[in-house]
């Protein structure tokens, strides 16, 4: 079966999806992260996730210079995932189709502003 075309390139994005406050993780995701880091699943659960208040677990965040908060595995310099091969299922499935709305918005703004490296942040940066 032929692959559907993809209309976004994560390498040209600022990793907005990594700033979502609710990035769910499953037990399988935790086990995958544990294996990646060579630690127990319990240690990975405690270190990399937190309760979401609804009975599930989500990835922990850290400070982000562009969006204020981002997944703890986002590299601040490259804007790439540092655990790409071990990333959770929610990240693997994103954006769920051939298009990413944020990427399209970002590319449109870069074109309008004639700034190919422009970053569109959720909050003002360096005021």
PDB file of N, CA and C in Angstrom:
ATOM      1  N   UNK A   1       0.839  -1.171   0.000  1.00  0.00           N
ATOM      2  CA  UNK A   1       0.000   0.000   0.000  1.00  0.00           C
ATOM      3  C   UNK A   1       0.893   1.247   0.000  1.00  0.00           C
ATOM      4  N   UNK A   2       0.534   2.254  -0.777  1.00  0.00           N
ATOM      5  CA  UNK A   2       1.303   3.492  -0.884  1.00  0.00           C
ATOM      6  C   UNK A   2       1.078   4.357   0.354  1.00  0.00           C
ATOM      7  N   UNK A   3       2.137   5.069   0.759  1.00  0.00           N
ATOM      8  CA  UNK A   3       2.037   5.977   1.888  1.00  0.00           C
ATOM      9  C   UNK A   3       1.354   7.271   1.455  1.00  0.00           C
ATOM     10  N   UNK A   4       0.571   7.836   2.340  1.00  0.00           N
ATOM     11  CA  UNK A   4      -0.059   9.122   2.071  1.00  0.00           C
ATOM     12  C   UNK A   4       0.990  10.221   2.161  1.00  0.00           C
ATOM     13  N   UNK A   5       0.836  11.290   1.380  1.00  0.00           N
ATOM     14  CA  UNK A   5       1.795  12.394   1.466  1.00  0.00           C
ATOM     15  C   UNK A   5       1.679  13.100   2.813  1.00  0.00           C
ATOM     16  N   UNK A   6       2.770  13.658   3.275  1.00  0.00           N
ATOM     17  CA  UNK A   6       2.813  14.411   4.523  1.00  0.00           C
ATOM     18  C   UNK A   6       3.109  15.860   4.167  1.00  0.00           C
ATOM     19  N   UNK A   7       2.354  16.791   4.751  1.00  0.00           N
ATOM     20  CA  UNK A   7       2.481  18.199   4.422  1.00  0.00           C
ATOM     21  C   UNK A   7       3.107  19.016   5.544  1.00  0.00           C
ATOM     22  N   UNK A   8       3.990  18.410   6.324  1.00  0.00           N
ATOM     23  CA  UNK A   8       4.698  19.146   7.364  1.00  0.00           C
ATOM     24  C   UNK A   8       6.078  18.531   7.545  1.00  0.00           C
ATOM     25  N   UNK A   9       6.978  19.310   8.137  1.00  0.00           N
ATOM     26  CA  UNK A   9       8.341  18.853   8.382  1.00  0.00           C
ATOM     27  C   UNK A   9       8.727  19.282   9.789  1.00  0.00           C
ATOM     28  N   UNK A  10       8.779  18.353  10.699  1.00  0.00           N
ATOM     29  CA  UNK A  10       9.090  18.659  12.094  1.00  0.00           C
ATOM     30  C   UNK A  10      10.451  19.338  12.259  1.00  0.00           C
ATOM     31  N   UNK A  11      11.355  19.116  11.325  1.00  0.00           N
ATOM     32  CA  UNK A  11      12.677  19.738  11.416  1.00  0.00           C
ATOM     33  C   UNK A  11      12.626  21.245  11.144  1.00  0.00           C
ATOM     34  N   UNK A  12      11.510  21.730  10.609  1.00  0.00           N
ATOM     35  CA  UNK A  12      11.339  23.161  10.351  1.00  0.00           C
ATOM     36  C   UNK A  12      10.335  23.795  11.311  1.00  0.00           C
ATOM     37  N   UNK A  13      10.129  23.184  12.443  1.00  0.00           N
ATOM     38  CA  UNK A  13       9.134  23.656  13.407  1.00  0.00           C
ATOM     39  C   UNK A  13       9.815  23.991  14.733  1.00  0.00           C
ATOM     40  N   UNK A  14       9.065  24.637  15.609  1.00  0.00           N
ATOM     41  CA  UNK A  14       9.591  25.005  16.928  1.00  0.00           C
ATOM     42  C   UNK A  14       9.128  24.048  18.024  1.00  0.00           C
ATOM     43  N   UNK A  15       8.552  22.920  17.630  1.00  0.00           N
ATOM     44  CA  UNK A  15       8.127  21.864  18.557  1.00  0.00           C
ATOM     45  C   UNK A  15       6.962  22.286  19.447  1.00  0.00           C
ATOM     46  N   UNK A  16       6.014  22.973  18.871  1.00  0.00           N
ATOM     47  CA  UNK A  16       4.837  23.398  19.615  1.00  0.00           C
ATOM     48  C   UNK A  16       4.115  22.213  20.247  1.00  0.00           C
ATOM     49  N   UNK A  17       4.028  21.094  19.541  1.00  0.00           N
ATOM     50  CA  UNK A  17       3.331  19.922  20.070  1.00  0.00           C
ATOM     51  C   UNK A  17       3.961  19.426  21.375  1.00  0.00           C
ATOM     52  N   UNK A  18       5.241  19.692  21.558  1.00  0.00           N
ATOM     53  CA  UNK A  18       5.942  19.269  22.775  1.00  0.00           C
ATOM     54  C   UNK A  18       5.609  20.153  23.974  1.00  0.00           C
ATOM     55  N   UNK A  19       4.840  21.216  23.742  1.00  0.00           N
ATOM     56  CA  UNK A  19       4.476  22.115  24.835  1.00  0.00           C
ATOM     57  C   UNK A  19       3.071  21.859  25.358  1.00  0.00           C
ATOM     58  N   UNK A  20       2.356  20.919  24.756  1.00  0.00           N
ATOM     59  CA  UNK A  20       1.022  20.608  25.246  1.00  0.00           C
ATOM     60  C   UNK A  20       1.125  20.184  26.707  1.00  0.00           C
ATOM     61  N   UNK A  21       0.255  20.720  27.533  1.00  0.00           N
ATOM     62  CA  UNK A  21       0.295  20.417  28.962  1.00  0.00           C
ATOM     63  C   UNK A  21      -0.095  18.993  29.300  1.00  0.00           C
ATOM     64  N   UNK A  22      -0.799  18.351  28.405  1.00  0.00           N
ATOM     65  CA  UNK A  22      -1.281  16.994  28.661  1.00  0.00           C
ATOM     66  C   UNK A  22      -0.775  16.068  27.560  1.00  0.00           C
ATOM     67  N   UNK A  23       0.401  15.490  27.778  1.00  0.00           N
ATOM     68  CA  UNK A  23       0.966  14.501  26.854  1.00  0.00           C
ATOM     69  C   UNK A  23       0.860  13.155  27.569  1.00  0.00           C
ATOM     70  N   UNK A  24      -0.194  12.395  27.259  1.00  0.00           N
ATOM     71  CA  UNK A  24      -0.455  11.159  28.001  1.00  0.00           C
ATOM     72  C   UNK A  24       0.591  10.077  27.751  1.00  0.00           C
ATOM     73  N   UNK A  25       0.824   9.294  28.795  1.00  0.00           N
ATOM     74  CA  UNK A  25       1.726   8.147  28.680  1.00  0.00           C
ATOM     75  C   UNK A  25       1.024   6.902  29.210  1.00  0.00           C
ATOM     76  N   UNK A  26       1.316   5.793  28.573  1.00  0.00           N
ATOM     77  CA  UNK A  26       0.755   4.507  28.975  1.00  0.00           C
ATOM     78  C   UNK A  26       1.821   3.715  29.730  1.00  0.00           C
ATOM     79  N   UNK A  27       1.426   2.583  30.283  1.00  0.00           N
ATOM     80  CA  UNK A  27       2.401   1.710  30.941  1.00  0.00           C
ATOM     81  C   UNK A  27       3.450   1.237  29.940  1.00  0.00           C
ATOM     82  N   UNK A  28       3.019   0.989  28.707  1.00  0.00           N
ATOM     83  CA  UNK A  28       3.959   0.569  27.658  1.00  0.00           C
ATOM     84  C   UNK A  28       4.955   1.685  27.355  1.00  0.00           C
ATOM     85  N   UNK A  29       4.483   2.930  27.338  1.00  0.00           N
ATOM     86  CA  UNK A  29       5.373   4.076  27.112  1.00  0.00           C
ATOM     87  C   UNK A  29       6.423   4.168  28.220  1.00  0.00           C
ATOM     88  N   UNK A  30       5.982   3.977  29.449  1.00  0.00           N
ATOM     89  CA  UNK A  30       6.899   4.046  30.591  1.00  0.00           C
ATOM     90  C   UNK A  30       7.946   2.936  30.489  1.00  0.00           C
ATOM     91  N   UNK A  31       7.515   1.745  30.126  1.00  0.00           N
ATOM     92  CA  UNK A  31       8.457   0.629  29.968  1.00  0.00           C
ATOM     93  C   UNK A  31       9.474   0.924  28.868  1.00  0.00           C
ATOM     94  N   UNK A  32       9.013   1.528  27.771  1.00  0.00           N
ATOM     95  CA  UNK A  32       9.906   1.881  26.666  1.00  0.00           C
ATOM     96  C   UNK A  32      10.940   2.916  27.117  1.00  0.00           C
ATOM     97  N   UNK A  33      10.498   3.911  27.871  1.00  0.00           N
ATOM     98  CA  UNK A  33      11.425   4.926  28.392  1.00  0.00           C
ATOM     99  C   UNK A  33      12.407   4.305  29.386  1.00  0.00           C
ATOM    100  N   UNK A  34      11.907   3.410  30.223  1.00  0.00           N
ATOM    101  CA  UNK A  34      12.762   2.729  31.204  1.00  0.00           C
ATOM    102  C   UNK A  34      13.864   1.952  30.490  1.00  0.00           C
ATOM    103  N   UNK A  35      13.492   1.216  29.471  1.00  0.00           N
ATOM    104  CA  UNK A  35      14.476   0.445  28.702  1.00  0.00           C
ATOM    105  C   UNK A  35      15.491   1.377  28.048  1.00  0.00           C
ATOM    106  N   UNK A  36      15.010   2.479  27.486  1.00  0.00           N
ATOM    107  CA  UNK A  36      15.883   3.453  26.824  1.00  0.00           C
ATOM    108  C   UNK A  36      16.943   3.986  27.793  1.00  0.00           C
ATOM    109  N   UNK A  37      16.539   4.251  29.030  1.00  0.00           N
ATOM    110  CA  UNK A  37      17.450   4.817  30.021  1.00  0.00           C
ATOM    111  C   UNK A  37      18.129   3.768  30.902  1.00  0.00           C
ATOM    112  N   UNK A  38      17.766   2.504  30.738  1.00  0.00           N
ATOM    113  CA  UNK A  38      18.383   1.448  31.538  1.00  0.00           C
ATOM    114  C   UNK A  38      17.998   1.510  33.000  1.00  0.00           C
ATOM    115  N   UNK A  39      16.734   1.870  33.265  1.00  0.00           N
ATOM    116  CA  UNK A  39      16.247   1.942  34.644  1.00  0.00           C
ATOM    117  C   UNK A  39      14.960   1.125  34.741  1.00  0.00           C
ATOM    118  N   UNK A  40      14.456   0.966  35.951  1.00  0.00           N
ATOM    119  CA  UNK A  40      13.220   0.213  36.131  1.00  0.00           C
ATOM    120  C   UNK A  40      12.026   1.046  35.661  1.00  0.00           C
ATOM    121  N   UNK A  41      10.944   0.353  35.369  1.00  0.00           N
ATOM    122  CA  UNK A  41       9.719   1.041  34.964  1.00  0.00           C
ATOM    123  C   UNK A  41       9.223   1.948  36.087  1.00  0.00           C
ATOM    124  N   UNK A  42       9.344   1.505  37.322  1.00  0.00           N
ATOM    125  CA  UNK A  42       8.922   2.319  38.468  1.00  0.00           C
ATOM    126  C   UNK A  42       9.753   3.602  38.554  1.00  0.00           C
ATOM    127  N   UNK A  43      11.056   3.488  38.361  1.00  0.00           N
ATOM    128  CA  UNK A  43      11.926   4.668  38.394  1.00  0.00           C
ATOM    129  C   UNK A  43      11.576   5.621  37.246  1.00  0.00           C
ATOM    130  N   UNK A  44      11.306   5.084  36.068  1.00  0.00           N
ATOM    131  CA  UNK A  44      10.934   5.914  34.918  1.00  0.00           C
ATOM    132  C   UNK A  44       9.597   6.601  35.163  1.00  0.00           C
ATOM    133  N   UNK A  45       8.653   5.875  35.731  1.00  0.00           N
ATOM    134  CA  UNK A  45       7.338   6.454  36.028  1.00  0.00           C
ATOM    135  C   UNK A  45       7.482   7.652  36.957  1.00  0.00           C
ATOM    136  N   UNK A  46       8.277   7.502  38.002  1.00  0.00           N
ATOM    137  CA  UNK A  46       8.469   8.582  38.977  1.00  0.00           C
ATOM    138  C   UNK A  46       9.258   9.756  38.392  1.00  0.00           C
ATOM    139  N   UNK A  47      10.280   9.451  37.621  1.00  0.00           N
ATOM    140  CA  UNK A  47      11.176  10.490  37.112  1.00  0.00           C
ATOM    141  C   UNK A  47      10.595  11.264  35.923  1.00  0.00           C
ATOM    142  N   UNK A  48       9.895  10.587  35.035  1.00  0.00           N
ATOM    143  CA  UNK A  48       9.485  11.203  33.777  1.00  0.00           C
ATOM    144  C   UNK A  48       8.007  11.551  33.669  1.00  0.00           C
ATOM    145  N   UNK A  49       7.170  11.045  34.593  1.00  0.00           N
ATOM    146  CA  UNK A  49       5.736  11.289  34.489  1.00  0.00           C
ATOM    147  C   UNK A  49       5.174  11.833  35.793  1.00  0.00           C
ATOM    148  N   UNK A  50       3.941  12.290  35.711  1.00  0.00           N
ATOM    149  CA  UNK A  50       3.211  12.725  36.901  1.00  0.00           C
ATOM    150  C   UNK A  50       1.742  12.402  36.689  1.00  0.00           C
ATOM    151  N   UNK A  51       0.968  12.378  37.767  1.00  0.00           N
ATOM    152  CA  UNK A  51      -0.472  12.113  37.682  1.00  0.00           C
ATOM    153  C   UNK A  51      -1.138  13.271  36.958  1.00  0.00           C
ATOM    154  N   UNK A  52      -2.168  12.952  36.186  1.00  0.00           N
ATOM    155  CA  UNK A  52      -2.872  13.997  35.446  1.00  0.00           C
ATOM    156  C   UNK A  52      -4.152  14.468  36.132  1.00  0.00           C
ATOM    157  N   UNK A  53      -4.462  13.917  37.297  1.00  0.00           N
ATOM    158  CA  UNK A  53      -5.663  14.316  38.015  1.00  0.00           C
ATOM    159  C   UNK A  53      -6.913  13.582  37.557  1.00  0.00           C
ATOM    160  N   UNK A  54      -6.767  12.722  36.556  1.00  0.00           N
ATOM    161  CA  UNK A  54      -7.913  11.975  36.024  1.00  0.00           C
ATOM    162  C   UNK A  54      -7.658  10.476  36.056  1.00  0.00           C
ATOM    163  N   UNK A  55      -6.660  10.066  36.824  1.00  0.00           N
ATOM    164  CA  UNK A  55      -6.336   8.650  36.930  1.00  0.00           C
ATOM    165  C   UNK A  55      -5.265   8.177  35.972  1.00  0.00           C
ATOM    166  N   UNK A  56      -4.794   9.051  35.108  1.00  0.00           N
ATOM    167  CA  UNK A  56      -3.745   8.698  34.155  1.00  0.00           C
ATOM    168  C   UNK A  56      -2.427   9.374  34.494  1.00  0.00           C
ATOM    169  N   UNK A  57      -1.499   9.283  33.564  1.00  0.00           N
ATOM    170  CA  UNK A  57      -0.193   9.905  33.762  1.00  0.00           C
ATOM    171  C   UNK A  57       0.174  10.689  32.512  1.00  0.00           C
ATOM    172  N   UNK A  58       0.956  11.749  32.710  1.00  0.00           N
ATOM    173  CA  UNK A  58       1.427  12.597  31.614  1.00  0.00           C
ATOM    174  C   UNK A  58       2.921  12.825  31.776  1.00  0.00           C
ATOM    175  N   UNK A  59       3.569  13.229  30.685  1.00  0.00           N
ATOM    176  CA  UNK A  59       4.994  13.542  30.750  1.00  0.00           C
ATOM    177  C   UNK A  59       5.221  14.800  31.579  1.00  0.00           C
ATOM    178  N   UNK A  60       6.302  14.798  32.309  1.00  0.00           N
ATOM    179  CA  UNK A  60       6.694  15.986  33.065  1.00  0.00           C
ATOM    180  C   UNK A  60       7.223  17.046  32.098  1.00  0.00           C
ATOM    181  N   UNK A  61       7.138  18.289  32.515  1.00  0.00           N
ATOM    182  CA  UNK A  61       7.628  19.410  31.737  1.00  0.00           C
ATOM    183  C   UNK A  61       8.843  20.050  32.405  1.00  0.00           C
ATOM    184  N   UNK A  62       9.468  20.965  31.678  1.00  0.00           N
ATOM    185  CA  UNK A  62      10.547  21.806  32.191  1.00  0.00           C
ATOM    186  C   UNK A  62      10.370  23.181  31.551  1.00  0.00           C
ATOM    187  N   UNK A  63      11.129  24.166  32.021  1.00  0.00           N
ATOM    188  CA  UNK A  63      11.045  25.509  31.459  1.00  0.00           C
ATOM    189  C   UNK A  63      11.424  25.492  29.991  1.00  0.00           C
ATOM    190  N   UNK A  64      10.726  26.290  29.205  1.00  0.00           N
ATOM    191  CA  UNK A  64      11.025  26.435  27.787  1.00  0.00           C
ATOM    192  C   UNK A  64      11.124  27.924  27.470  1.00  0.00           C
ATOM    193  N   UNK A  65      12.196  28.325  26.807  1.00  0.00           N
ATOM    194  CA  UNK A  65      12.443  29.733  26.511  1.00  0.00           C
ATOM    195  C   UNK A  65      11.435  30.321  25.531  1.00  0.00           C
ATOM    196  N   UNK A  66      10.829  29.504  24.705  1.00  0.00           N
ATOM    197  CA  UNK A  66       9.873  30.013  23.719  1.00  0.00           C
ATOM    198  C   UNK A  66       8.444  29.938  24.235  1.00  0.00           C
ATOM    199  N   UNK A  67       8.040  28.789  24.746  1.00  0.00           N
ATOM    200  CA  UNK A  67       6.655  28.574  25.140  1.00  0.00           C
ATOM    201  C   UNK A  67       6.438  28.519  26.651  1.00  0.00           C
ATOM    202  N   UNK A  68       7.446  28.805  27.430  1.00  0.00           N
ATOM    203  CA  UNK A  68       7.410  28.807  28.891  1.00  0.00           C
ATOM    204  C   UNK A  68       7.514  27.422  29.518  1.00  0.00           C
ATOM    205  N   UNK A  69       6.888  26.413  28.914  1.00  0.00           N
ATOM    206  CA  UNK A  69       6.903  25.055  29.445  1.00  0.00           C
ATOM    207  C   UNK A  69       6.869  24.075  28.276  1.00  0.00           C
ATOM    208  N   UNK A  70       7.648  23.007  28.400  1.00  0.00           N
ATOM    209  CA  UNK A  70       7.697  22.000  27.331  1.00  0.00           C
ATOM    210  C   UNK A  70       8.056  20.649  27.926  1.00  0.00           C
ATOM    211  N   UNK A  71       7.842  19.610  27.158  1.00  0.00           N
ATOM    212  CA  UNK A  71       8.211  18.260  27.559  1.00  0.00           C
ATOM    213  C   UNK A  71       9.666  18.238  28.026  1.00  0.00           C
ATOM    214  N   UNK A  72       9.913  17.508  29.059  1.00  0.00           N
ATOM    215  CA  UNK A  72      11.271  17.434  29.619  1.00  0.00           C
ATOM    216  C   UNK A  72      12.276  16.849  28.631  1.00  0.00           C
ATOM    217  N   UNK A  73      11.807  16.180  27.588  1.00  0.00           N
ATOM    218  CA  UNK A  73      12.711  15.561  26.625  1.00  0.00           C
ATOM    219  C   UNK A  73      12.989  16.436  25.398  1.00  0.00           C
ATOM    220  N   UNK A  74      12.459  17.650  25.374  1.00  0.00           N
ATOM    221  CA  UNK A  74      12.706  18.548  24.248  1.00  0.00           C
ATOM    222  C   UNK A  74      14.059  19.231  24.421  1.00  0.00           C
ATOM    223  N   UNK A  75      14.924  19.102  23.432  1.00  0.00           N
ATOM    224  CA  UNK A  75      16.217  19.781  23.447  1.00  0.00           C
ATOM    225  C   UNK A  75      15.978  21.256  23.135  1.00  0.00           C
ATOM    226  N   UNK A  76      16.390  22.130  24.024  1.00  0.00           N
ATOM    227  CA  UNK A  76      16.140  23.560  23.881  1.00  0.00           C
ATOM    228  C   UNK A  76      16.892  24.194  22.708  1.00  0.00           C
ATOM    229  N   UNK A  77      18.000  23.638  22.341  1.00  0.00           N
ATOM    230  CA  UNK A  77      18.787  24.192  21.231  1.00  0.00           C
ATOM    231  C   UNK A  77      18.282  23.721  19.874  1.00  0.00           C
ATOM    232  N   UNK A  78      18.151  22.417  19.712  1.00  0.00           N
ATOM    233  CA  UNK A  78      17.772  21.861  18.411  1.00  0.00           C
ATOM    234  C   UNK A  78      16.265  21.828  18.192  1.00  0.00           C
ATOM    235  N   UNK A  79      15.469  21.911  19.287  1.00  0.00           N
ATOM    236  CA  UNK A  79      14.009  21.798  19.259  1.00  0.00           C
ATOM    237  C   UNK A  79      13.582  20.411  18.794  1.00  0.00           C
ATOM    238  N   UNK A  80      14.430  19.407  19.052  1.00  0.00           N
ATOM    239  CA  UNK A  80      14.139  18.022  18.690  1.00  0.00           C
ATOM    240  C   UNK A  80      13.962  17.178  19.951  1.00  0.00           C
ATOM    241  N   UNK A  81      13.287  16.064  19.799  1.00  0.00           N
ATOM    242  CA  UNK A  81      13.067  15.130  20.898  1.00  0.00           C
ATOM    243  C   UNK A  81      14.347  14.360  21.190  1.00  0.00           C
ATOM    244  N   UNK A  82      14.736  14.329  22.452  1.00  0.00           N
ATOM    245  CA  UNK A  82      15.963  13.620  22.835  1.00  0.00           C
ATOM    246  C   UNK A  82      15.736  12.125  23.046  1.00  0.00           C
ATOM    247  N   UNK A  83      14.468  11.707  23.025  1.00  0.00           N
ATOM    248  CA  UNK A  83      14.152  10.282  23.182  1.00  0.00           C
ATOM    249  C   UNK A  83      13.288   9.813  22.018  1.00  0.00           C
ATOM    250  N   UNK A  84      13.557  10.306  20.835  1.00  0.00           N
ATOM    251  CA  UNK A  84      12.699  10.066  19.677  1.00  0.00           C
ATOM    252  C   UNK A  84      12.361   8.590  19.473  1.00  0.00           C
ATOM    253  N   UNK A  85      13.347   7.710  19.580  1.00  0.00           N
ATOM    254  CA  UNK A  85      13.081   6.278  19.383  1.00  0.00           C
ATOM    255  C   UNK A  85      12.255   5.680  20.525  1.00  0.00           C
ATOM    256  N   UNK A  86      12.259   6.305  21.687  1.00  0.00           N
ATOM    257  CA  UNK A  86      11.528   5.800  22.846  1.00  0.00           C
ATOM    258  C   UNK A  86      10.324   6.673  23.198  1.00  0.00           C
ATOM    259  N   UNK A  87       9.950   7.598  22.329  1.00  0.00           N
ATOM    260  CA  UNK A  87       8.873   8.547  22.631  1.00  0.00           C
ATOM    261  C   UNK A  87       7.534   7.826  22.829  1.00  0.00           C
ATOM    262  N   UNK A  88       6.655   8.449  23.609  1.00  0.00           N
ATOM    263  CA  UNK A  88       5.339   7.849  23.875  1.00  0.00           C
ATOM    264  C   UNK A  88       4.468   7.717  22.623  1.00  0.00           C
ATOM    265  N   UNK A  89       3.469   6.871  22.716  1.00  0.00           N
ATOM    266  CA  UNK A  89       2.551   6.625  21.600  1.00  0.00           C
ATOM    267  C   UNK A  89       1.846   7.896  21.156  1.00  0.00           C
ATOM    268  N   UNK A  90       1.490   8.776  22.086  1.00  0.00           N
ATOM    269  CA  UNK A  90       0.810  10.028  21.726  1.00  0.00           C
ATOM    270  C   UNK A  90       1.690  10.871  20.810  1.00  0.00           C
ATOM    271  N   UNK A  91       2.980  10.871  21.060  1.00  0.00           N
ATOM    272  CA  UNK A  91       3.923  11.630  20.234  1.00  0.00           C
ATOM    273  C   UNK A  91       4.110  10.950  18.878  1.00  0.00           C
ATOM    274  N   UNK A  92       4.136   9.641  18.892  1.00  0.00           N
ATOM    275  CA  UNK A  92       4.291   8.884  17.643  1.00  0.00           C
ATOM    276  C   UNK A  92       3.103   9.109  16.717  1.00  0.00           C
ATOM    277  N   UNK A  93       1.921   9.270  17.279  1.00  0.00           N
ATOM    278  CA  UNK A  93       0.700   9.423  16.493  1.00  0.00           C
ATOM    279  C   UNK A  93       0.459  10.861  16.025  1.00  0.00           C
ATOM    280  N   UNK A  94       1.111  11.822  16.655  1.00  0.00           N
ATOM    281  CA  UNK A  94       0.868  13.232  16.336  1.00  0.00           C
ATOM    282  C   UNK A  94       1.357  13.569  14.938  1.00  0.00           C
ATOM    283  N   UNK A  95       0.647  14.352  14.163  1.00  0.00           N
ATOM    284  CA  UNK A  95      -0.602  15.051  14.471  1.00  0.00           C
ATOM    285  C   UNK A  95      -1.852  14.257  14.136  1.00  0.00           C
ATOM    286  N   UNK A  96      -1.700  13.009  13.771  1.00  0.00           N
ATOM    287  CA  UNK A  96      -2.860  12.175  13.503  1.00  0.00           C
ATOM    288  C   UNK A  96      -3.319  12.205  12.054  1.00  0.00           C
ATOM    289  N   UNK A  97      -2.581  12.854  11.215  1.00  0.00           N
ATOM    290  CA  UNK A  97      -2.948  12.942   9.806  1.00  0.00           C
ATOM    291  C   UNK A  97      -1.790  13.496   8.992  1.00  0.00           C
ATOM    292  N   UNK A  98      -2.081  13.868   7.769  1.00  0.00           N
ATOM    293  CA  UNK A  98      -1.048  14.349   6.855  1.00  0.00           C
ATOM    294  C   UNK A  98      -0.695  15.817   7.083  1.00  0.00           C
ATOM    295  N   UNK A  99      -1.486  16.503   7.907  1.00  0.00           N
ATOM    296  CA  UNK A  99      -1.264  17.929   8.129  1.00  0.00           C
ATOM    297  C   UNK A  99      -1.126  18.244   9.615  1.00  0.00           C
ATOM    298  N   UNK A 100      -0.314  19.250   9.904  1.00  0.00           N
ATOM    299  CA  UNK A 100      -0.150  19.774  11.257  1.00  0.00           C
ATOM    300  C   UNK A 100      -0.572  21.238  11.201  1.00  0.00           C
ATOM    301  N   UNK A 101      -1.613  21.586  11.919  1.00  0.00           N
ATOM    302  CA  UNK A 101      -2.152  22.947  11.859  1.00  0.00           C
ATOM    303  C   UNK A 101      -1.149  23.992  12.340  1.00  0.00           C
ATOM    304  N   UNK A 102      -0.408  23.694  13.395  1.00  0.00           N
ATOM    305  CA  UNK A 102       0.576  24.671  13.869  1.00  0.00           C
ATOM    306  C   UNK A 102       1.665  24.884  12.822  1.00  0.00           C
ATOM    307  N   UNK A 103       2.132  23.817  12.200  1.00  0.00           N
ATOM    308  CA  UNK A 103       3.168  23.940  11.167  1.00  0.00           C
ATOM    309  C   UNK A 103       2.675  24.821  10.024  1.00  0.00           C
ATOM    310  N   UNK A 104       1.438  24.621   9.604  1.00  0.00           N
ATOM    311  CA  UNK A 104       0.887  25.431   8.523  1.00  0.00           C
ATOM    312  C   UNK A 104       0.801  26.900   8.931  1.00  0.00           C
ATOM    313  N   UNK A 105       0.366  27.160  10.163  1.00  0.00           N
ATOM    314  CA  UNK A 105       0.311  28.526  10.688  1.00  0.00           C
ATOM    315  C   UNK A 105       1.705  29.145  10.721  1.00  0.00           C
ATOM    316  N   UNK A 106       2.673  28.403  11.249  1.00  0.00           N
ATOM    317  CA  UNK A 106       4.043  28.889  11.360  1.00  0.00           C
ATOM    318  C   UNK A 106       4.623  29.208   9.988  1.00  0.00           C
ATOM    319  N   UNK A 107       4.443  28.316   9.038  1.00  0.00           N
ATOM    320  CA  UNK A 107       4.968  28.540   7.691  1.00  0.00           C
ATOM    321  C   UNK A 107       4.298  29.756   7.039  1.00  0.00           C
ATOM    322  N   UNK A 108       3.000  29.928   7.245  1.00  0.00           N
ATOM    323  CA  UNK A 108       2.291  31.081   6.687  1.00  0.00           C
ATOM    324  C   UNK A 108       2.822  32.381   7.281  1.00  0.00           C
ATOM    325  N   UNK A 109       3.018  32.406   8.594  1.00  0.00           N
ATOM    326  CA  UNK A 109       3.548  33.612   9.247  1.00  0.00           C
ATOM    327  C   UNK A 109       4.976  33.904   8.796  1.00  0.00           C
ATOM    328  N   UNK A 110       5.772  32.876   8.664  1.00  0.00           N
ATOM    329  CA  UNK A 110       7.143  33.081   8.179  1.00  0.00           C
ATOM    330  C   UNK A 110       7.126  33.683   6.780  1.00  0.00           C
ATOM    331  N   UNK A 111       6.206  33.233   5.939  1.00  0.00           N
ATOM    332  CA  UNK A 111       6.085  33.775   4.590  1.00  0.00           C
ATOM    333  C   UNK A 111       5.590  35.213   4.595  1.00  0.00           C
ATOM    334  N   UNK A 112       4.564  35.498   5.392  1.00  0.00           N
ATOM    335  CA  UNK A 112       4.022  36.857   5.475  1.00  0.00           C
ATOM    336  C   UNK A 112       5.055  37.849   5.982  1.00  0.00           C
ATOM    337  N   UNK A 113       5.810  37.438   6.968  1.00  0.00           N
ATOM    338  CA  UNK A 113       6.808  38.311   7.591  1.00  0.00           C
ATOM    339  C   UNK A 113       8.139  38.308   6.848  1.00  0.00           C
ATOM    340  N   UNK A 114       8.251  37.419   5.876  1.00  0.00           N
ATOM    341  CA  UNK A 114       9.494  37.240   5.121  1.00  0.00           C
ATOM    342  C   UNK A 114      10.677  36.964   6.050  1.00  0.00           C
ATOM    343  N   UNK A 115      10.416  36.129   7.059  1.00  0.00           N
ATOM    344  CA  UNK A 115      11.436  35.708   8.014  1.00  0.00           C
ATOM    345  C   UNK A 115      11.380  34.183   8.112  1.00  0.00           C
ATOM    346  N   UNK A 116      12.199  33.475   7.342  1.00  0.00           N
ATOM    347  CA  UNK A 116      12.123  32.013   7.282  1.00  0.00           C
ATOM    348  C   UNK A 116      12.410  31.289   8.598  1.00  0.00           C
ATOM    349  N   UNK A 117      13.052  31.957   9.550  1.00  0.00           N
ATOM    350  CA  UNK A 117      13.370  31.327  10.832  1.00  0.00           C
ATOM    351  C   UNK A 117      12.529  31.873  11.977  1.00  0.00           C
ATOM    352  N   UNK A 118      11.528  32.656  11.668  1.00  0.00           N
ATOM    353  CA  UNK A 118      10.691  33.278  12.683  1.00  0.00           C
ATOM    354  C   UNK A 118      10.064  32.224  13.602  1.00  0.00           C
ATOM    355  N   UNK A 119      10.003  32.557  14.888  1.00  0.00           N
ATOM    356  CA  UNK A 119       9.367  31.690  15.884  1.00  0.00           C
ATOM    357  C   UNK A 119       8.105  32.385  16.347  1.00  0.00           C
ATOM    358  N   UNK A 120       6.992  31.686  16.317  1.00  0.00           N
ATOM    359  CA  UNK A 120       5.737  32.226  16.793  1.00  0.00           C
ATOM    360  C   UNK A 120       5.481  31.595  18.139  1.00  0.00           C
ATOM    361  N   UNK A 121       5.618  32.392  19.207  1.00  0.00           N
ATOM    362  CA  UNK A 121       5.501  31.877  20.554  1.00  0.00           C
ATOM    363  C   UNK A 121       4.118  32.157  21.127  1.00  0.00           C
ATOM    364  N   UNK A 122       3.765  31.355  22.107  1.00  0.00           N
ATOM    365  CA  UNK A 122       2.489  31.527  22.782  1.00  0.00           C
ATOM    366  C   UNK A 122       2.545  32.730  23.727  1.00  0.00           C
ATOM    367  N   UNK A 123       3.726  33.079  24.190  1.00  0.00           N
ATOM    368  CA  UNK A 123       3.915  34.179  25.125  1.00  0.00           C
ATOM    369  C   UNK A 123       5.027  35.074  24.604  1.00  0.00           C
ATOM    370  N   UNK A 124       5.002  36.359  24.955  1.00  0.00           N
ATOM    371  CA  UNK A 124       6.106  37.235  24.543  1.00  0.00           C
ATOM    372  C   UNK A 124       7.426  36.738  25.118  1.00  0.00           C
ATOM    373  N   UNK A 125       8.462  36.836  24.343  1.00  0.00           N
ATOM    374  CA  UNK A 125       9.781  36.397  24.761  1.00  0.00           C
ATOM    375  C   UNK A 125      10.722  37.590  24.758  1.00  0.00           C
ATOM    376  N   UNK A 126      11.518  37.746  25.803  1.00  0.00           N
ATOM    377  CA  UNK A 126      12.519  38.822  25.908  1.00  0.00           C
ATOM    378  C   UNK A 126      11.924  40.195  25.664  1.00  0.00           C
ATOM    379  N   UNK A 127      10.935  40.556  26.449  1.00  0.00           N
ATOM    380  CA  UNK A 127      10.326  41.879  26.307  1.00  0.00           C
ATOM    381  C   UNK A 127      11.247  42.971  26.757  1.00  0.00           C
TER     382      UNK A 127
END
